[in-house]
C-alpha cells in the first residue's frame, strides 16, 4: 500500500535587507566639510577680506571728502575746532576772514575792519588813526565763559627794534556798540566793536586775542 506524502513547499532564503546608507551619508558630510560646501574656510576668508577692503575704501573716501571740504572752506564751522592751531604767532597770523578758536573753546570772527574811522565821541588827533574792528565771539563750550575787550584785545605792529612790537591797547566803552565785557552761555554768540588808537598809516597791523591766562596761548589775526 503506497503512502502519500504532501509536497513540501520550496525553500526560499529570506530576502536580504538593503544595506544602510548611513556610512555613505556620513562620508558625504565629511567630503562636504572638507572644502566643497558653501561654508568652507576659503570662502569665509574671502568674505572677511572683502569686508575689510570695503571698510578701508569707505574710510578713505571720508578722509578725502573732509580734506576737500576743508580746502574749499577752511573757515567752515565744521572744522573750526580742529583748526584751533592757526594764528599762534605774530609772524604767522590767521587770515582776516578766518574763524579762529582758542584753547578755551571760544571762537572769534572778524566781521568788519574800519580804518581811518570817525566818531563823535572820540576827538580827532593829528597823527592818530582810529580803527574800529567789529568782532563776533561764540562760546563752543558746554559751560559759560567770560570775555573782556580791554583785557583780551590789542593791536600789534612790527617795531624798528628787533624782537619788539608796537602795542596799541583797546579803548573800552569809547563808542556805542562796544564789545565790553560779560559772560557767554554755552553755544551763545555776541557781536561788538573794538576801538583802537594807532599811529596813522601803521602797516602790518595784527590783532592779538588773549584771555589773560598764562596757560592759554594768544591768537593772532591779520588786519588786511
Protein backbone atom coordinates (compact mmCIF):
# COMPACT_ATOMS: atom_id res chain seq x y z
CA UNK A 1 0.00 0.00 0.00
CA UNK A 2 1.55 3.26 -1.02
CA UNK A 3 1.83 6.21 1.26
CA UNK A 4 1.09 9.78 0.28
CA UNK A 5 3.50 12.47 1.24
CA UNK A 6 2.27 16.00 0.73
CA UNK A 7 4.58 18.12 -1.42
CA UNK A 8 6.79 20.30 0.62
CA UNK A 9 6.91 23.94 -0.33
CA UNK A 10 10.15 25.08 -1.93
CA UNK A 11 12.77 26.70 0.18
CA UNK A 12 13.31 30.39 -0.40
CA UNK A 13 16.01 32.20 1.52
CA UNK A 14 14.80 35.22 3.44
CA UNK A 15 15.10 38.39 1.43
CA UNK A 16 18.25 40.29 2.15
CA UNK A 17 17.81 43.70 3.79
CA UNK A 18 19.28 46.63 1.85
CA UNK A 19 22.45 47.87 3.40
CA UNK A 20 22.10 51.13 5.33
CA UNK A 21 23.37 54.21 3.52
CA UNK A 22 24.34 55.79 6.83
CA UNK A 23 28.01 55.31 6.11
CA UNK A 24 27.58 56.83 2.64
CA UNK A 25 25.76 59.82 4.15
CA UNK A 26 28.49 60.29 6.74
CA UNK A 27 31.11 60.13 4.01
CA UNK A 28 29.20 62.78 2.06
CA UNK A 29 29.10 65.04 5.08
CA UNK A 30 32.81 64.58 5.60
CA UNK A 31 33.51 65.38 1.98
CA UNK A 32 31.29 68.45 2.14
CA UNK A 33 33.03 69.77 5.25
CA UNK A 34 36.38 69.08 3.69
CA UNK A 35 36.08 72.03 1.36
CA UNK A 36 33.37 71.55 -1.17
CA UNK A 37 30.48 73.16 0.74
CA UNK A 38 29.29 76.76 0.82
CA UNK A 39 30.69 77.38 4.33
CA UNK A 40 34.24 76.33 3.57
CA UNK A 41 37.09 78.24 5.19
CA UNK A 42 38.43 79.69 1.90
CA UNK A 43 35.05 81.28 1.25
CA UNK A 44 34.89 82.64 4.79
CA UNK A 45 38.37 84.12 4.44
CA UNK A 46 37.37 85.71 1.16
CA UNK A 47 34.30 87.31 2.70
CA UNK A 48 36.37 88.63 5.60
CA UNK A 49 38.97 90.14 3.28
CA UNK A 50 36.30 91.72 1.08
CA UNK A 51 34.62 93.26 4.15
CA UNK A 52 37.91 94.76 5.29
CA UNK A 53 38.55 96.23 1.85
CA UNK A 54 35.10 97.82 1.73
CA UNK A 55 35.61 99.35 5.19
CA UNK A 56 39.02 100.74 4.20
CA UNK A 57 37.65 102.26 1.00
CA UNK A 58 34.77 103.89 2.91
CA UNK A 59 37.14 105.42 5.50
CA UNK A 60 39.48 106.65 2.78
CA UNK A 61 36.56 108.28 0.97
CA UNK A 62 35.53 110.09 4.18
CA UNK A 63 39.08 111.40 4.68
CA UNK A 64 39.29 112.63 1.08
CA UNK A 65 35.87 114.27 1.33
CA UNK A 66 36.77 116.03 4.59
CA UNK A 67 40.05 117.28 3.13
CA UNK A 68 38.21 118.59 0.08
CA UNK A 69 35.68 120.45 2.20
CA UNK A 70 38.42 121.99 4.32
CA UNK A 71 40.31 123.10 1.19
CA UNK A 72 37.18 124.74 -0.20
CA UNK A 73 36.27 126.49 3.06
CA UNK A 74 38.91 126.28 5.79
CA UNK A 75 36.83 128.64 7.96
CA UNK A 76 33.80 126.38 7.95
CA UNK A 77 32.30 125.81 11.39
CA UNK A 78 32.57 122.09 10.71
CA UNK A 79 36.35 122.39 11.04
CA UNK A 80 36.57 125.39 13.32
CA UNK A 81 37.56 123.49 16.43
CA UNK A 82 40.09 121.34 14.55
CA UNK A 83 41.63 124.50 13.11
CA UNK A 84 42.28 125.96 16.56
CA UNK A 85 46.05 125.69 16.00
CA UNK A 86 46.15 128.53 13.45
CA UNK A 87 47.29 132.07 14.23
CA UNK A 88 49.59 131.04 17.07
CA UNK A 89 52.35 133.53 16.27
CA UNK A 90 52.53 137.20 15.35
CA UNK A 91 54.58 136.46 12.25
CA UNK A 92 52.11 133.76 11.17
CA UNK A 93 48.69 135.33 11.81
CA UNK A 94 45.43 133.84 10.68
CA UNK A 95 43.79 135.44 7.61
CA UNK A 96 41.33 138.20 8.43
CA UNK A 97 38.31 136.18 7.25
CA UNK A 98 39.39 133.03 9.06
CA UNK A 99 37.44 131.92 12.11
CA UNK A 100 39.84 131.27 14.96
CA UNK A 101 39.25 129.13 18.05
CA UNK A 102 41.43 129.44 21.13
CA UNK A 103 42.29 126.73 23.63
CA UNK A 104 39.44 127.91 25.88
CA UNK A 105 36.84 126.88 23.31
CA UNK A 106 35.98 130.43 22.23
CA UNK A 107 35.63 131.25 18.55
CA UNK A 108 36.48 134.67 17.12
CA UNK A 109 35.41 136.03 13.73
CA UNK A 110 36.27 139.46 12.34
CA UNK A 111 33.07 140.88 10.87
CA UNK A 112 34.40 144.26 9.71
CA UNK A 113 37.55 146.37 9.91
CA UNK A 114 37.15 150.13 9.55
CA UNK A 115 40.40 152.04 9.27
CA UNK A 116 40.53 155.85 9.43
CA UNK A 117 37.20 155.77 11.23
CA UNK A 118 35.49 158.82 12.71
CA UNK A 119 33.48 159.05 15.91
CA UNK A 120 31.50 161.81 17.61
CA UNK A 121 32.68 160.57 20.98
CA UNK A 122 36.40 160.44 20.15
CA UNK A 123 38.04 163.73 19.11
CA UNK A 124 40.29 163.54 16.06
CA UNK A 125 44.04 163.89 16.71
CA UNK A 126 46.86 164.68 14.31
CA UNK A 127 48.97 161.64 13.56
CA UNK A 128 46.47 159.31 15.20
CA UNK A 129 44.34 156.83 13.28
CA UNK A 130 41.11 155.49 14.72
CA UNK A 131 40.46 151.83 13.88
CA UNK A 132 37.17 150.11 14.67
CA UNK A 133 37.09 146.32 14.47
CA UNK A 134 33.72 144.55 14.70
CA UNK A 135 34.09 141.02 16.06
CA UNK A 136 31.82 138.08 16.80
CA UNK A 137 32.51 135.79 19.74
CA UNK A 138 30.97 132.32 20.01
CA UNK A 139 31.18 130.04 23.03
CA UNK A 140 31.75 126.48 21.78
CA UNK A 141 31.92 125.10 25.32
CA UNK A 142 29.20 123.34 27.25
CA UNK A 143 29.73 125.83 30.11
CA UNK A 144 29.61 129.62 30.47
CA UNK A 145 32.76 131.59 29.72
CA UNK A 146 33.64 135.27 30.13
CA UNK A 147 35.14 137.87 27.79
CA UNK A 148 36.63 141.35 28.21
CA UNK A 149 37.57 143.68 25.36
CA UNK A 150 40.03 145.74 27.41
CA UNK A 151 42.00 142.78 28.76
CA UNK A 152 41.83 140.39 25.83
CA UNK A 153 42.45 142.53 22.72
CA UNK A 154 45.23 144.76 21.40
CA UNK A 155 46.75 145.70 18.05
CA UNK A 156 50.38 144.94 17.32
CA UNK A 157 52.78 146.08 14.63
CA UNK A 158 56.46 145.44 13.90
CA UNK A 159 58.95 147.70 15.63
CA UNK A 160 62.27 149.05 14.43
CA UNK A 161 63.83 147.29 17.39
CA UNK A 162 64.32 143.55 16.79
CA UNK A 163 62.21 141.19 18.92
CA UNK A 164 59.94 144.05 19.98
CA UNK A 165 56.43 145.01 18.88
CA UNK A 166 54.43 148.19 18.99
CA UNK A 167 51.31 147.73 21.12
CA UNK A 168 48.02 149.60 20.86
CA UNK A 169 45.50 148.58 23.56
CA UNK A 170 41.75 148.71 23.07
CA UNK A 171 39.83 151.75 24.25
CA UNK A 172 36.84 150.27 26.12
CA UNK A 173 33.42 151.92 26.00
CA UNK A 174 34.59 154.61 23.57
CA UNK A 175 31.63 154.23 21.17
CA UNK A 176 28.17 152.72 21.11
CA UNK A 177 28.09 149.03 20.38
CA UNK A 178 31.40 148.30 22.08
CA UNK A 179 32.08 144.66 22.86
CA UNK A 180 32.62 145.46 26.53
CA UNK A 181 32.76 142.54 28.94
CA UNK A 182 30.36 139.85 30.04
CA UNK A 183 29.64 136.12 30.03
CA UNK A 184 28.56 133.92 27.17
CA UNK A 185 26.40 130.88 27.82
CA UNK A 186 27.14 127.60 26.08
CA UNK A 187 26.78 127.85 22.28
CA UNK A 188 25.87 131.52 22.60
CA UNK A 189 27.35 134.27 20.38
CA UNK A 190 27.68 138.03 20.61
CA UNK A 191 28.95 140.86 18.41
CA UNK A 192 30.65 144.07 19.42
CA UNK A 193 33.11 146.73 18.30
CA UNK A 194 36.70 147.21 19.39
CA UNK A 195 38.24 150.69 19.21
CA UNK A 196 41.97 151.32 18.81
CA UNK A 197 44.07 154.48 18.50
CA UNK A 198 47.22 153.81 16.49
CA UNK A 199 49.90 155.85 14.76
CA UNK A 200 48.44 156.93 11.44
CA UNK A 201 49.05 154.60 8.49
CA UNK A 202 50.74 151.91 10.57
CA UNK A 203 51.38 148.90 8.28
CA UNK A 204 51.13 145.18 9.03
CA UNK A 205 48.74 145.50 11.94
CA UNK A 206 47.78 142.29 13.71
CA UNK A 207 45.01 141.78 16.25
CA UNK A 208 46.13 139.89 19.35
CA UNK A 209 43.40 137.96 21.16
CA UNK A 210 44.25 136.55 24.58
CA UNK A 211 42.27 135.52 27.66
CA UNK A 212 44.74 136.68 30.30
CA UNK A 213 45.55 133.15 31.42
CA UNK A 214 49.21 132.14 31.44
CA UNK A 215 48.20 128.62 30.39
CA UNK A 216 46.33 129.95 27.37
CA UNK A 217 48.04 130.76 24.07
CA UNK A 218 47.06 134.05 22.34
CA UNK A 219 45.76 134.01 18.77
CA UNK A 220 46.79 136.49 16.08
CA UNK A 221 44.67 137.70 13.15
CA UNK A 222 45.92 139.99 10.40
CA UNK A 223 44.04 143.19 9.54
CA UNK A 224 44.06 143.37 5.72
